[in-house]
Amino acid sequence: MEINFNPSLNFTSRSQTIRKADDFARKIKSLYPMVSNSKMETLSCVDFNSPPILKLQMRITQLRKAMEYGFKESTEMVDKLRRLIEPIATCAVGNCAESAILASIAAKVNGIKNCHIAGLYDNNLKNIDHAVLLVKDKKPYIIDSWIGFADYLPEATNRYKGEFKYMIDGGKVPDKIKYIPEKCTNIEIYLNNLTESFKLREIKREFQELNFNINPAQSKIQ
């Protein structure tokens, strides 16, 4: 049997970008481990109204209030970001929204441009109740540090409809997903607009633990 091999085919064009983005997502997940009630509720054996789940939900609500209060009270950029990171690190609880905030800050430390905290929506612009980091590169992709993966938009949609379906909105994943930058909270608006170069240099200096030396945009996309 004769096998024809075409040396012009590039089998690494996807992995050069997405492998780095995957590493990025997993490093955030590893650096800031958190207990998530949303993940626990995907287990068939879990009672949503059980005391442990209700207690965890309350802790995450308190975490978000602490983050919002600290962010609002701070006037300096570095302190604002620190007031977002430290409660998550201390409480070790959170859901996709907290993971997306961490990913947004880490992306700026690592020099990833054109990235935005984004929500997942169906064709009717109904929120699917999930947050990721959207990178508007030549070939856009998402970084989902809550689940721990990254992929180009069409492939990410297929993965949410397939292997990760049970983790998204009770398994009710639409055929088509729109990834739209969020403008729901002051924190999301602030992070999505934080692009000035002098600020990015200051962030990189102050948050060295988030400097993974990973920038998927430096990979060649074909």
N, C-alpha and C. Protein backbone atom coordinates (compact mmCIF):
# COMPACT_ATOMS: atom_id res chain seq x y z
N MET A 1 0.86 -1.21 0.00
CA MET A 1 0.00 0.00 0.00
C MET A 1 0.88 1.24 0.00
N GLU A 2 0.60 2.16 -0.89
CA GLU A 2 1.39 3.38 -1.00
C GLU A 2 0.70 4.51 -0.23
N ILE A 3 1.47 5.17 0.61
CA ILE A 3 0.94 6.30 1.39
C ILE A 3 1.55 7.58 0.86
N ASN A 4 0.72 8.48 0.44
CA ASN A 4 1.18 9.77 -0.06
C ASN A 4 1.28 10.77 1.08
N PHE A 5 2.42 11.40 1.20
CA PHE A 5 2.62 12.38 2.27
C PHE A 5 2.87 13.74 1.66
N ASN A 6 2.12 14.71 2.07
CA ASN A 6 2.26 16.07 1.56
C ASN A 6 2.99 16.90 2.59
N PRO A 7 4.28 17.21 2.39
CA PRO A 7 5.05 17.96 3.39
C PRO A 7 4.57 19.38 3.59
N SER A 8 3.70 19.88 2.69
CA SER A 8 3.22 21.25 2.84
C SER A 8 2.15 21.37 3.92
N LEU A 9 1.56 20.23 4.33
CA LEU A 9 0.55 20.28 5.37
C LEU A 9 1.21 20.59 6.71
N ASN A 10 0.62 21.50 7.45
CA ASN A 10 1.18 21.90 8.74
C ASN A 10 0.27 21.35 9.84
N PHE A 11 0.77 20.34 10.55
CA PHE A 11 -0.03 19.70 11.58
C PHE A 11 0.10 20.39 12.92
N THR A 12 0.94 21.43 13.02
CA THR A 12 1.15 22.10 14.30
C THR A 12 0.54 23.49 14.33
N SER A 13 -0.12 23.92 13.24
CA SER A 13 -0.62 25.28 13.18
C SER A 13 -1.62 25.56 14.29
N ARG A 14 -2.43 24.56 14.64
CA ARG A 14 -3.39 24.74 15.72
C ARG A 14 -2.70 24.66 17.07
N SER A 15 -1.83 23.69 17.24
CA SER A 15 -1.24 23.46 18.55
C SER A 15 -0.29 24.58 18.96
N GLN A 16 0.32 25.25 18.02
CA GLN A 16 1.25 26.32 18.36
C GLN A 16 0.56 27.43 19.15
N THR A 17 -0.66 27.70 18.83
CA THR A 17 -1.41 28.72 19.56
C THR A 17 -2.20 28.10 20.71
N ILE A 18 -2.97 27.07 20.41
CA ILE A 18 -3.89 26.52 21.41
C ILE A 18 -3.16 25.76 22.50
N ARG A 19 -2.05 25.14 22.20
CA ARG A 19 -1.29 24.49 23.28
C ARG A 19 -0.84 25.50 24.32
N LYS A 20 -0.36 26.64 23.85
CA LYS A 20 0.06 27.68 24.79
C LYS A 20 -1.13 28.21 25.58
N ALA A 21 -2.24 28.40 24.89
CA ALA A 21 -3.44 28.89 25.57
C ALA A 21 -3.95 27.85 26.57
N ASP A 22 -3.84 26.57 26.20
CA ASP A 22 -4.20 25.49 27.13
C ASP A 22 -3.34 25.55 28.38
N ASP A 23 -2.03 25.68 28.17
CA ASP A 23 -1.10 25.78 29.31
C ASP A 23 -1.45 26.97 30.18
N PHE A 24 -1.77 28.07 29.54
CA PHE A 24 -2.15 29.30 30.25
C PHE A 24 -3.36 29.05 31.14
N ALA A 25 -4.40 28.43 30.56
CA ALA A 25 -5.63 28.15 31.31
C ALA A 25 -5.36 27.24 32.50
N ARG A 26 -4.56 26.23 32.29
CA ARG A 26 -4.30 25.25 33.35
C ARG A 26 -3.40 25.81 34.44
N LYS A 27 -2.50 26.70 34.07
CA LYS A 27 -1.65 27.32 35.09
C LYS A 27 -2.48 28.20 36.03
N ILE A 28 -3.42 28.92 35.48
CA ILE A 28 -4.30 29.74 36.32
C ILE A 28 -5.11 28.85 37.25
N LYS A 29 -5.65 27.78 36.69
CA LYS A 29 -6.45 26.84 37.48
C LYS A 29 -5.62 26.23 38.59
N SER A 30 -4.36 25.92 38.30
CA SER A 30 -3.47 25.31 39.29
C SER A 30 -3.01 26.32 40.35
N LEU A 31 -2.74 27.55 39.92
CA LEU A 31 -2.23 28.58 40.83
C LEU A 31 -3.31 29.03 41.81
N TYR A 32 -4.55 29.06 41.35
CA TYR A 32 -5.65 29.50 42.20
C TYR A 32 -6.74 28.42 42.24
N PRO A 33 -6.49 27.34 42.94
CA PRO A 33 -7.53 26.30 43.05
C PRO A 33 -8.73 26.84 43.81
N MET A 34 -9.90 26.48 43.37
CA MET A 34 -11.11 26.97 44.04
C MET A 34 -12.20 25.91 44.00
N VAL A 35 -12.96 25.85 45.08
CA VAL A 35 -14.11 24.96 45.14
C VAL A 35 -15.28 25.69 44.50
N SER A 36 -15.95 25.02 43.56
CA SER A 36 -17.01 25.65 42.78
C SER A 36 -18.33 24.93 42.99
N ASN A 37 -19.34 25.65 43.43
CA ASN A 37 -20.65 25.02 43.58
C ASN A 37 -21.23 24.64 42.22
N SER A 38 -20.90 25.42 41.19
CA SER A 38 -21.39 25.09 39.85
C SER A 38 -20.86 23.74 39.39
N LYS A 39 -19.60 23.45 39.70
CA LYS A 39 -19.04 22.15 39.33
C LYS A 39 -19.66 21.04 40.17
N MET A 40 -19.84 21.30 41.45
CA MET A 40 -20.41 20.28 42.32
C MET A 40 -21.83 19.93 41.90
N GLU A 41 -22.55 20.94 41.40
CA GLU A 41 -23.95 20.71 41.01
C GLU A 41 -24.08 19.91 39.73
N THR A 42 -22.96 19.69 39.01
CA THR A 42 -23.01 18.85 37.81
C THR A 42 -23.03 17.36 38.16
N LEU A 43 -22.73 17.04 39.42
CA LEU A 43 -22.71 15.65 39.85
C LEU A 43 -24.14 15.19 40.14
N SER A 44 -24.51 14.06 39.60
CA SER A 44 -25.88 13.57 39.76
C SER A 44 -26.21 13.23 41.21
N CYS A 45 -25.19 12.95 42.02
CA CYS A 45 -25.42 12.54 43.40
C CYS A 45 -25.57 13.73 44.35
N VAL A 46 -25.43 14.94 43.83
CA VAL A 46 -25.43 16.13 44.69
C VAL A 46 -26.83 16.72 44.78
N ASP A 47 -27.23 17.02 46.00
CA ASP A 47 -28.51 17.69 46.25
C ASP A 47 -28.27 19.20 46.29
N PHE A 48 -28.88 19.94 45.34
CA PHE A 48 -28.66 21.38 45.25
C PHE A 48 -28.99 22.10 46.55
N ASN A 49 -29.94 21.55 47.30
CA ASN A 49 -30.40 22.20 48.52
C ASN A 49 -29.77 21.63 49.79
N SER A 50 -28.74 20.85 49.62
CA SER A 50 -28.07 20.28 50.79
C SER A 50 -27.28 21.37 51.51
N PRO A 51 -27.11 21.25 52.82
CA PRO A 51 -26.38 22.27 53.59
C PRO A 51 -25.00 22.59 53.05
N PRO A 52 -24.17 21.60 52.63
CA PRO A 52 -22.84 21.94 52.10
C PRO A 52 -22.90 22.82 50.85
N ILE A 53 -23.84 22.52 49.94
CA ILE A 53 -23.97 23.32 48.72
C ILE A 53 -24.45 24.72 49.05
N LEU A 54 -25.44 24.83 49.90
CA LEU A 54 -25.96 26.14 50.28
C LEU A 54 -24.90 26.96 51.00
N LYS A 55 -24.10 26.30 51.83
CA LYS A 55 -23.02 27.00 52.53
C LYS A 55 -21.97 27.50 51.53
N LEU A 56 -21.65 26.67 50.54
CA LEU A 56 -20.68 27.06 49.52
C LEU A 56 -21.21 28.23 48.69
N GLN A 57 -22.48 28.19 48.33
CA GLN A 57 -23.08 29.30 47.59
C GLN A 57 -22.98 30.60 48.39
N MET A 58 -23.20 30.51 49.69
CA MET A 58 -23.12 31.68 50.55
C MET A 58 -21.69 32.22 50.60
N ARG A 59 -20.72 31.32 50.65
CA ARG A 59 -19.31 31.75 50.69
C ARG A 59 -18.92 32.46 49.40
N ILE A 60 -19.43 31.97 48.27
CA ILE A 60 -19.11 32.61 46.99
C ILE A 60 -19.80 33.96 46.89
N THR A 61 -21.01 34.05 47.40
CA THR A 61 -21.71 35.35 47.44
C THR A 61 -20.92 36.35 48.29
N GLN A 62 -20.44 35.91 49.43
CA GLN A 62 -19.64 36.78 50.30
C GLN A 62 -18.33 37.17 49.63
N LEU A 63 -17.72 36.22 48.92
CA LEU A 63 -16.49 36.51 48.17
C LEU A 63 -16.73 37.62 47.16
N ARG A 64 -17.80 37.53 46.41
CA ARG A 64 -18.09 38.52 45.37
C ARG A 64 -18.36 39.89 45.97
N LYS A 65 -19.03 39.91 47.12
CA LYS A 65 -19.26 41.18 47.79
C LYS A 65 -17.94 41.80 48.23
N ALA A 66 -17.02 40.97 48.75
CA ALA A 66 -15.71 41.46 49.18
C ALA A 66 -14.92 42.00 48.00
N MET A 67 -14.98 41.30 46.87
CA MET A 67 -14.28 41.75 45.67
C MET A 67 -14.86 43.07 45.17
N GLU A 68 -16.17 43.16 45.11
CA GLU A 68 -16.82 44.38 44.64
C GLU A 68 -16.51 45.57 45.55
N TYR A 69 -16.55 45.32 46.86
CA TYR A 69 -16.29 46.40 47.81
C TYR A 69 -14.83 46.87 47.71
N GLY A 70 -13.89 45.91 47.69
CA GLY A 70 -12.48 46.27 47.60
C GLY A 70 -12.16 46.99 46.31
N PHE A 71 -12.74 46.51 45.22
CA PHE A 71 -12.52 47.15 43.92
C PHE A 71 -13.05 48.58 43.92
N LYS A 72 -14.24 48.77 44.46
CA LYS A 72 -14.87 50.09 44.48
C LYS A 72 -14.10 51.07 45.36
N GLU A 73 -13.60 50.59 46.49
CA GLU A 73 -12.92 51.46 47.44
C GLU A 73 -11.51 51.84 47.00
N SER A 74 -10.92 51.06 46.12
CA SER A 74 -9.55 51.32 45.68
C SER A 74 -9.52 52.38 44.58
N THR A 75 -8.48 53.19 44.61
CA THR A 75 -8.32 54.22 43.57
C THR A 75 -7.12 53.92 42.67
N GLU A 76 -6.13 53.20 43.19
CA GLU A 76 -4.95 52.86 42.40
C GLU A 76 -5.20 51.57 41.63
N MET A 77 -4.71 51.53 40.39
CA MET A 77 -4.93 50.38 39.53
C MET A 77 -4.42 49.08 40.15
N VAL A 78 -3.19 49.08 40.62
CA VAL A 78 -2.60 47.87 41.18
C VAL A 78 -3.39 47.39 42.39
N ASP A 79 -3.82 48.32 43.23
CA ASP A 79 -4.60 47.94 44.41
C ASP A 79 -5.95 47.38 44.02
N LYS A 80 -6.57 47.94 42.97
CA LYS A 80 -7.83 47.41 42.48
C LYS A 80 -7.69 45.94 42.08
N LEU A 81 -6.63 45.64 41.34
CA LEU A 81 -6.42 44.28 40.87
C LEU A 81 -6.09 43.35 42.04
N ARG A 82 -5.32 43.86 42.99
CA ARG A 82 -4.98 43.05 44.16
C ARG A 82 -6.22 42.72 44.97
N ARG A 83 -7.16 43.68 45.05
CA ARG A 83 -8.40 43.45 45.79
C ARG A 83 -9.31 42.43 45.08
N LEU A 84 -9.04 42.17 43.82
CA LEU A 84 -9.77 41.13 43.10
C LEU A 84 -9.11 39.76 43.29
N ILE A 85 -7.79 39.75 43.27
CA ILE A 85 -7.06 38.48 43.33
C ILE A 85 -7.03 37.90 44.74
N GLU A 86 -6.73 38.72 45.73
CA GLU A 86 -6.49 38.22 47.08
C GLU A 86 -7.69 37.50 47.70
N PRO A 87 -8.94 38.00 47.55
CA PRO A 87 -10.06 37.25 48.13
C PRO A 87 -10.22 35.86 47.53
N ILE A 88 -9.98 35.73 46.22
CA ILE A 88 -10.08 34.41 45.58
C ILE A 88 -9.00 33.49 46.12
N ALA A 89 -7.78 34.01 46.23
CA ALA A 89 -6.67 33.20 46.74
C ALA A 89 -6.90 32.78 48.19
N THR A 90 -7.47 33.68 48.99
CA THR A 90 -7.68 33.40 50.41
C THR A 90 -8.85 32.47 50.64
N CYS A 91 -9.95 32.72 49.96
CA CYS A 91 -11.17 31.92 50.18
C CYS A 91 -11.14 30.59 49.43
N ALA A 92 -10.43 30.54 48.33
CA ALA A 92 -10.31 29.31 47.51
C ALA A 92 -11.67 28.77 47.08
N VAL A 93 -12.59 29.69 46.79
CA VAL A 93 -13.89 29.30 46.23
C VAL A 93 -14.16 30.22 45.03
N GLY A 94 -15.06 29.78 44.17
CA GLY A 94 -15.41 30.62 43.03
C GLY A 94 -15.95 29.80 41.88
N ASN A 95 -16.51 30.50 40.92
CA ASN A 95 -17.06 29.87 39.73
C ASN A 95 -16.39 30.44 38.48
N CYS A 96 -17.03 30.29 37.33
CA CYS A 96 -16.42 30.70 36.08
C CYS A 96 -16.15 32.21 36.04
N ALA A 97 -16.97 33.01 36.69
CA ALA A 97 -16.76 34.46 36.68
C ALA A 97 -15.44 34.83 37.33
N GLU A 98 -15.14 34.19 38.46
CA GLU A 98 -13.88 34.47 39.15
C GLU A 98 -12.69 33.98 38.33
N SER A 99 -12.85 32.82 37.69
CA SER A 99 -11.78 32.29 36.84
C SER A 99 -11.51 33.22 35.66
N ALA A 100 -12.56 33.79 35.10
CA ALA A 100 -12.40 34.71 33.96
C ALA A 100 -11.70 35.99 34.39
N ILE A 101 -11.98 36.47 35.60
CA ILE A 101 -11.30 37.66 36.12
C ILE A 101 -9.81 37.38 36.27
N LEU A 102 -9.46 36.24 36.85
CA LEU A 102 -8.05 35.88 37.00
C LEU A 102 -7.38 35.75 35.63
N ALA A 103 -8.07 35.13 34.68
CA ALA A 103 -7.51 34.96 33.34
C ALA A 103 -7.27 36.30 32.67
N SER A 104 -8.18 37.25 32.88
CA SER A 104 -8.04 38.57 32.28
C SER A 104 -6.80 39.29 32.82
N ILE A 105 -6.62 39.24 34.14
CA ILE A 105 -5.45 39.90 34.74
C ILE A 105 -4.17 39.21 34.29
N ALA A 106 -4.16 37.87 34.32
CA ALA A 106 -2.98 37.12 33.90
C ALA A 106 -2.64 37.36 32.44
N ALA A 107 -3.65 37.52 31.60
CA ALA A 107 -3.42 37.78 30.18
C ALA A 107 -2.67 39.09 29.99
N LYS A 108 -3.03 40.09 30.78
CA LYS A 108 -2.35 41.38 30.68
C LYS A 108 -0.91 41.29 31.18
N VAL A 109 -0.69 40.49 32.21
CA VAL A 109 0.68 40.28 32.71
C VAL A 109 1.54 39.63 31.63
N ASN A 110 0.95 38.72 30.87
CA ASN A 110 1.70 37.97 29.87
C ASN A 110 1.68 38.63 28.49
N GLY A 111 1.12 39.83 28.41
CA GLY A 111 1.17 40.58 27.16
C GLY A 111 0.21 40.10 26.09
N ILE A 112 -0.87 39.43 26.48
CA ILE A 112 -1.88 38.99 25.51
C ILE A 112 -2.82 40.16 25.25
N LYS A 113 -2.89 40.60 24.02
CA LYS A 113 -3.69 41.77 23.68
C LYS A 113 -5.08 41.37 23.18
N ASN A 114 -5.94 42.38 23.12
CA ASN A 114 -7.29 42.20 22.57
C ASN A 114 -8.05 41.06 23.26
N CYS A 115 -7.95 41.02 24.58
CA CYS A 115 -8.66 39.98 25.31
C CYS A 115 -9.74 40.62 26.18
N HIS A 116 -10.85 39.93 26.31
CA HIS A 116 -12.02 40.47 27.01
C HIS A 116 -12.73 39.36 27.77
N ILE A 117 -13.18 39.66 28.98
CA ILE A 117 -14.08 38.75 29.66
C ILE A 117 -15.37 38.71 28.84
N ALA A 118 -15.80 37.51 28.49
CA ALA A 118 -16.96 37.38 27.62
C ALA A 118 -17.95 36.38 28.19
N GLY A 119 -19.21 36.60 27.87
CA GLY A 119 -20.26 35.67 28.23
C GLY A 119 -20.65 34.84 27.03
N LEU A 120 -21.24 33.68 27.30
CA LEU A 120 -21.74 32.82 26.23
C LEU A 120 -23.23 33.07 26.07
N TYR A 121 -23.66 33.27 24.81
CA TYR A 121 -25.05 33.59 24.51
C TYR A 121 -25.54 32.72 23.35
N ASP A 122 -26.85 32.51 23.31
CA ASP A 122 -27.41 31.81 22.16
C ASP A 122 -27.77 32.83 21.07
N ASN A 123 -28.39 32.38 20.00
CA ASN A 123 -28.70 33.26 18.87
C ASN A 123 -29.69 34.36 19.24
N ASN A 124 -30.48 34.12 20.28
CA ASN A 124 -31.44 35.12 20.74
C ASN A 124 -30.86 36.01 21.83
N LEU A 125 -29.53 35.91 22.00
CA LEU A 125 -28.79 36.69 23.00
C LEU A 125 -29.23 36.38 24.43
N LYS A 126 -29.65 35.16 24.64
CA LYS A 126 -29.92 34.69 25.99
C LYS A 126 -28.62 34.21 26.60
N ASN A 127 -28.31 34.68 27.80
CA ASN A 127 -27.08 34.30 28.48
C ASN A 127 -27.12 32.83 28.87
N ILE A 128 -26.04 32.11 28.56
CA ILE A 128 -25.95 30.69 28.89
C ILE A 128 -25.33 30.49 30.27
N ASP A 129 -25.05 31.57 30.95
CA ASP A 129 -24.52 31.53 32.32
C ASP A 129 -23.15 30.89 32.39
N HIS A 130 -22.25 31.40 31.53
CA HIS A 130 -20.86 30.95 31.59
C HIS A 130 -19.96 32.08 31.11
N ALA A 131 -18.79 32.21 31.74
CA ALA A 131 -17.86 33.29 31.40
C ALA A 131 -16.50 32.72 31.03
N VAL A 132 -15.87 33.32 30.03
CA VAL A 132 -14.54 32.90 29.57
C VAL A 132 -13.74 34.15 29.23
N LEU A 133 -12.50 33.94 28.82
CA LEU A 133 -11.70 35.03 28.28
C LEU A 133 -11.66 34.88 26.77
N LEU A 134 -12.15 35.89 26.06
CA LEU A 134 -12.16 35.89 24.60
C LEU A 134 -10.94 36.66 24.10
N VAL A 135 -10.16 36.02 23.24
CA VAL A 135 -8.98 36.66 22.64
C VAL A 135 -9.28 36.92 21.18
N LYS A 136 -9.38 38.20 20.81
CA LYS A 136 -9.72 38.57 19.44
C LYS A 136 -8.46 38.65 18.59
N ASP A 137 -7.88 37.50 18.33
CA ASP A 137 -6.69 37.40 17.49
C ASP A 137 -7.13 37.28 16.03
N LYS A 138 -6.17 37.07 15.13
CA LYS A 138 -6.52 36.88 13.72
C LYS A 138 -7.51 35.73 13.58
N LYS A 139 -7.30 34.72 14.38
CA LYS A 139 -8.23 33.61 14.48
C LYS A 139 -8.68 33.55 15.93
N PRO A 140 -9.83 34.12 16.27
CA PRO A 140 -10.24 34.27 17.68
C PRO A 140 -10.34 32.94 18.40
N TYR A 141 -10.01 32.98 19.68
CA TYR A 141 -10.12 31.78 20.51
C TYR A 141 -10.53 32.18 21.92
N ILE A 142 -10.91 31.18 22.71
CA ILE A 142 -11.27 31.45 24.10
C ILE A 142 -10.33 30.69 25.03
N ILE A 143 -10.16 31.26 26.22
CA ILE A 143 -9.44 30.60 27.30
C ILE A 143 -10.44 30.39 28.43
N ASP A 144 -10.70 29.15 28.75
CA ASP A 144 -11.65 28.81 29.81
C ASP A 144 -10.85 28.22 30.97
N SER A 145 -10.44 29.08 31.90
CA SER A 145 -9.62 28.61 33.01
C SER A 145 -10.44 27.95 34.11
N TRP A 146 -11.75 28.05 34.04
CA TRP A 146 -12.62 27.36 35.00
C TRP A 146 -12.65 25.87 34.70
N ILE A 147 -12.84 25.54 33.42
CA ILE A 147 -12.78 24.13 33.01
C ILE A 147 -11.33 23.71 32.84
N GLY A 148 -10.52 24.60 32.26
CA GLY A 148 -9.10 24.31 32.07
C GLY A 148 -8.75 23.92 30.65
N PHE A 149 -9.24 24.70 29.66
CA PHE A 149 -8.90 24.42 28.27
C PHE A 149 -8.99 25.71 27.47
N ALA A 150 -8.49 25.64 26.24
CA ALA A 150 -8.59 26.76 25.31
C ALA A 150 -8.83 26.18 23.92
N ASP A 151 -9.50 26.96 23.06
CA ASP A 151 -9.69 26.50 21.68
C ASP A 151 -10.23 27.65 20.84
N TYR A 152 -10.08 27.48 19.52
CA TYR A 152 -10.68 28.44 18.59
C TYR A 152 -12.20 28.37 18.74
N LEU A 153 -12.88 29.44 18.33
CA LEU A 153 -14.31 29.55 18.63
C LEU A 153 -15.15 28.38 18.10
N PRO A 154 -15.02 27.98 16.85
CA PRO A 154 -15.88 26.87 16.39
C PRO A 154 -15.60 25.58 17.16
N GLU A 155 -14.32 25.31 17.42
CA GLU A 155 -13.97 24.10 18.14
C GLU A 155 -14.43 24.17 19.59
N ALA A 156 -14.33 25.37 20.20
CA ALA A 156 -14.79 25.53 21.58
C ALA A 156 -16.29 25.28 21.67
N THR A 157 -17.04 25.80 20.70
CA THR A 157 -18.48 25.56 20.67
C THR A 157 -18.79 24.08 20.61
N ASN A 158 -18.08 23.36 19.77
CA ASN A 158 -18.30 21.92 19.65
C ASN A 158 -17.97 21.20 20.95
N ARG A 159 -16.95 21.68 21.65
CA ARG A 159 -16.57 21.03 22.91
C ARG A 159 -17.60 21.32 24.01
N TYR A 160 -18.14 22.54 24.01
CA TYR A 160 -19.21 22.85 24.97
C TYR A 160 -20.46 22.02 24.68
N LYS A 161 -20.71 21.74 23.41
CA LYS A 161 -21.87 20.94 23.04
C LYS A 161 -21.62 19.45 23.27
N GLY A 162 -20.33 19.08 23.38
CA GLY A 162 -19.98 17.68 23.52
C GLY A 162 -19.44 17.31 24.89
N GLU A 163 -18.11 17.28 24.99
CA GLU A 163 -17.50 16.76 26.21
C GLU A 163 -17.75 17.61 27.45
N PHE A 164 -18.02 18.93 27.27
CA PHE A 164 -18.25 19.80 28.43
C PHE A 164 -19.71 20.19 28.61
N LYS A 165 -20.60 19.52 27.89
CA LYS A 165 -22.02 19.88 27.93
C LYS A 165 -22.58 19.83 29.35
N TYR A 166 -22.17 18.84 30.10
CA TYR A 166 -22.72 18.65 31.45
C TYR A 166 -22.32 19.77 32.41
N MET A 167 -21.33 20.59 32.01
CA MET A 167 -20.85 21.66 32.89
C MET A 167 -21.47 23.01 32.58
N ILE A 168 -22.25 23.10 31.51
CA ILE A 168 -22.77 24.38 31.06
C ILE A 168 -24.28 24.44 31.18
N ASP A 169 -24.77 25.31 32.05
CA ASP A 169 -26.19 25.64 32.14
C ASP A 169 -27.08 24.41 32.19
N GLY A 170 -26.71 23.46 33.01
CA GLY A 170 -27.52 22.26 33.16
C GLY A 170 -27.57 21.40 31.91
N GLY A 171 -26.58 21.53 31.04
CA GLY A 171 -26.55 20.74 29.81
C GLY A 171 -27.37 21.32 28.69
N LYS A 172 -27.94 22.48 28.90
CA LYS A 172 -28.78 23.11 27.87
C LYS A 172 -27.92 24.02 26.98
N VAL A 173 -27.13 23.40 26.13
CA VAL A 173 -26.21 24.15 25.28
C VAL A 173 -26.81 24.29 23.89
N PRO A 174 -26.95 25.51 23.38
CA PRO A 174 -27.53 25.71 22.04
C PRO A 174 -26.59 25.25 20.94
N ASP A 175 -27.11 25.07 19.74
CA ASP A 175 -26.30 24.64 18.60
C ASP A 175 -25.24 25.68 18.25
N LYS A 176 -25.63 26.96 18.37
CA LYS A 176 -24.69 28.03 18.05
C LYS A 176 -24.48 28.90 19.29
N ILE A 177 -23.24 29.28 19.50
CA ILE A 177 -22.88 30.09 20.67
C ILE A 177 -22.22 31.39 20.21
N LYS A 178 -22.65 32.48 20.77
CA LYS A 178 -22.00 33.77 20.53
C LYS A 178 -21.16 34.11 21.77
N TYR A 179 -19.94 34.57 21.52
CA TYR A 179 -19.04 34.97 22.60
C TYR A 179 -18.97 36.50 22.60
N ILE A 180 -19.60 37.11 23.59
CA ILE A 180 -19.77 38.56 23.60
C ILE A 180 -19.10 39.18 24.83
N PRO A 181 -18.21 40.16 24.64
CA PRO A 181 -17.59 40.84 25.79
C PRO A 181 -18.64 41.37 26.75
N GLU A 182 -18.42 41.12 28.03
CA GLU A 182 -19.40 41.49 29.05
C GLU A 182 -19.27 42.96 29.46
N LYS A 183 -20.44 43.55 29.76
CA LYS A 183 -20.49 44.92 30.28
C LYS A 183 -21.47 44.97 31.44
N CYS A 184 -21.54 43.85 32.17
CA CYS A 184 -22.55 43.74 33.23
C CYS A 184 -22.11 44.39 34.53
N THR A 185 -20.83 44.29 34.85
CA THR A 185 -20.35 44.82 36.12
C THR A 185 -19.22 45.81 35.90
N ASN A 186 -18.97 46.65 36.88
CA ASN A 186 -17.87 47.61 36.79
C ASN A 186 -16.52 46.91 36.69
N ILE A 187 -16.41 45.75 37.33
CA ILE A 187 -15.15 44.99 37.27
C ILE A 187 -14.89 44.54 35.84
N GLU A 188 -15.89 43.97 35.18
CA GLU A 188 -15.72 43.50 33.80
C GLU A 188 -15.40 44.66 32.87
N ILE A 189 -16.10 45.76 33.00
CA ILE A 189 -15.86 46.92 32.15
C ILE A 189 -14.44 47.44 32.35
N TYR A 190 -14.00 47.51 33.59
CA TYR A 190 -12.67 48.02 33.91
C TYR A 190 -11.59 47.12 33.29
N LEU A 191 -11.70 45.81 33.51
CA LEU A 191 -10.68 44.90 33.00
C LEU A 191 -10.68 44.86 31.48
N ASN A 192 -11.85 44.91 30.87
CA ASN A 192 -11.92 44.86 29.41
C ASN A 192 -11.34 46.11 28.76
N ASN A 193 -11.30 47.21 29.50
CA ASN A 193 -10.76 48.46 28.96
C ASN A 193 -9.33 48.75 29.40
N LEU A 194 -8.75 47.85 30.16
CA LEU A 194 -7.41 48.07 30.70
C LEU A 194 -6.37 47.65 29.66
N THR A 195 -6.00 48.60 28.81
CA THR A 195 -5.11 48.26 27.70
C THR A 195 -3.91 49.19 27.56
N GLU A 196 -3.86 50.27 28.33
CA GLU A 196 -2.77 51.23 28.16
C GLU A 196 -1.42 50.56 28.48
N SER A 197 -0.43 50.79 27.61
CA SER A 197 0.84 50.07 27.71
C SER A 197 1.56 50.34 29.04
N PHE A 198 1.51 51.57 29.53
CA PHE A 198 2.23 51.86 30.77
C PHE A 198 1.59 51.11 31.93
N LYS A 199 0.28 50.95 31.89
CA LYS A 199 -0.40 50.19 32.93
C LYS A 199 -0.03 48.72 32.86
N LEU A 200 0.09 48.18 31.65
CA LEU A 200 0.43 46.78 31.50
C LEU A 200 1.82 46.49 32.03
N ARG A 201 2.75 47.40 31.83
CA ARG A 201 4.10 47.22 32.37
C ARG A 201 4.06 47.21 33.89
N GLU A 202 3.25 48.06 34.47
CA GLU A 202 3.14 48.11 35.93
C GLU A 202 2.51 46.84 36.47
N ILE A 203 1.50 46.34 35.78
CA ILE A 203 0.86 45.09 36.20
C ILE A 203 1.86 43.94 36.18
N LYS A 204 2.65 43.88 35.12
CA LYS A 204 3.63 42.79 34.99
C LYS A 204 4.65 42.84 36.12
N ARG A 205 5.03 44.03 36.51
CA ARG A 205 6.01 44.19 37.59
C ARG A 205 5.42 43.81 38.94
N GLU A 206 4.16 44.13 39.15
CA GLU A 206 3.55 43.93 40.46
C GLU A 206 3.04 42.51 40.67
N PHE A 207 2.64 41.82 39.61
CA PHE A 207 2.04 40.50 39.75
C PHE A 207 2.90 39.45 39.05
N GLN A 208 4.10 39.28 39.55
CA GLN A 208 5.06 38.39 38.91
C GLN A 208 4.63 36.92 38.98
N GLU A 209 3.82 36.57 39.99
CA GLU A 209 3.36 35.18 40.09
C GLU A 209 2.46 34.79 38.92
N LEU A 210 1.90 35.79 38.25
CA LEU A 210 1.04 35.54 37.10
C LEU A 210 1.81 35.60 35.78
N ASN A 211 3.10 35.83 35.85
CA ASN A 211 3.91 35.89 34.63
C ASN A 211 4.36 34.48 34.27
N PHE A 212 3.58 33.83 33.42
CA PHE A 212 3.86 32.45 33.01
C PHE A 212 4.79 32.38 31.81
N ASN A 213 5.14 33.55 31.24
CA ASN A 213 5.92 33.59 30.00
C ASN A 213 5.22 32.81 28.90
N ILE A 214 3.90 32.93 28.87
CA ILE A 214 3.09 32.27 27.85
C ILE A 214 2.25 33.31 27.14
N ASN A 215 2.49 33.49 25.87
CA ASN A 215 1.67 34.39 25.07
C ASN A 215 1.30 33.68 23.78
N PRO A 216 0.09 33.10 23.73
CA PRO A 216 -0.30 32.35 22.52
C PRO A 216 -0.24 33.19 21.26
N ALA A 217 -0.39 34.51 21.37
CA ALA A 217 -0.39 35.38 20.19
C ALA A 217 0.96 35.38 19.49
N GLN A 218 2.00 34.94 20.19
CA GLN A 218 3.33 34.91 19.59
C GLN A 218 3.51 33.71 18.67
N SER A 219 2.53 32.78 18.72
CA SER A 219 2.56 31.63 17.83
C SER A 219 2.00 32.03 16.47
N LYS A 220 2.51 31.43 15.44
CA LYS A 220 2.02 31.72 14.09
C LYS A 220 0.74 30.95 13.83
N ILE A 221 -0.31 31.66 13.44
CA ILE A 221 -1.59 31.02 13.14
C ILE A 221 -1.74 30.90 11.63
N GLN A 222 -2.05 29.71 11.17
CA GLN A 222 -2.22 29.49 9.73
C GLN A 222 -3.62 29.04 9.41
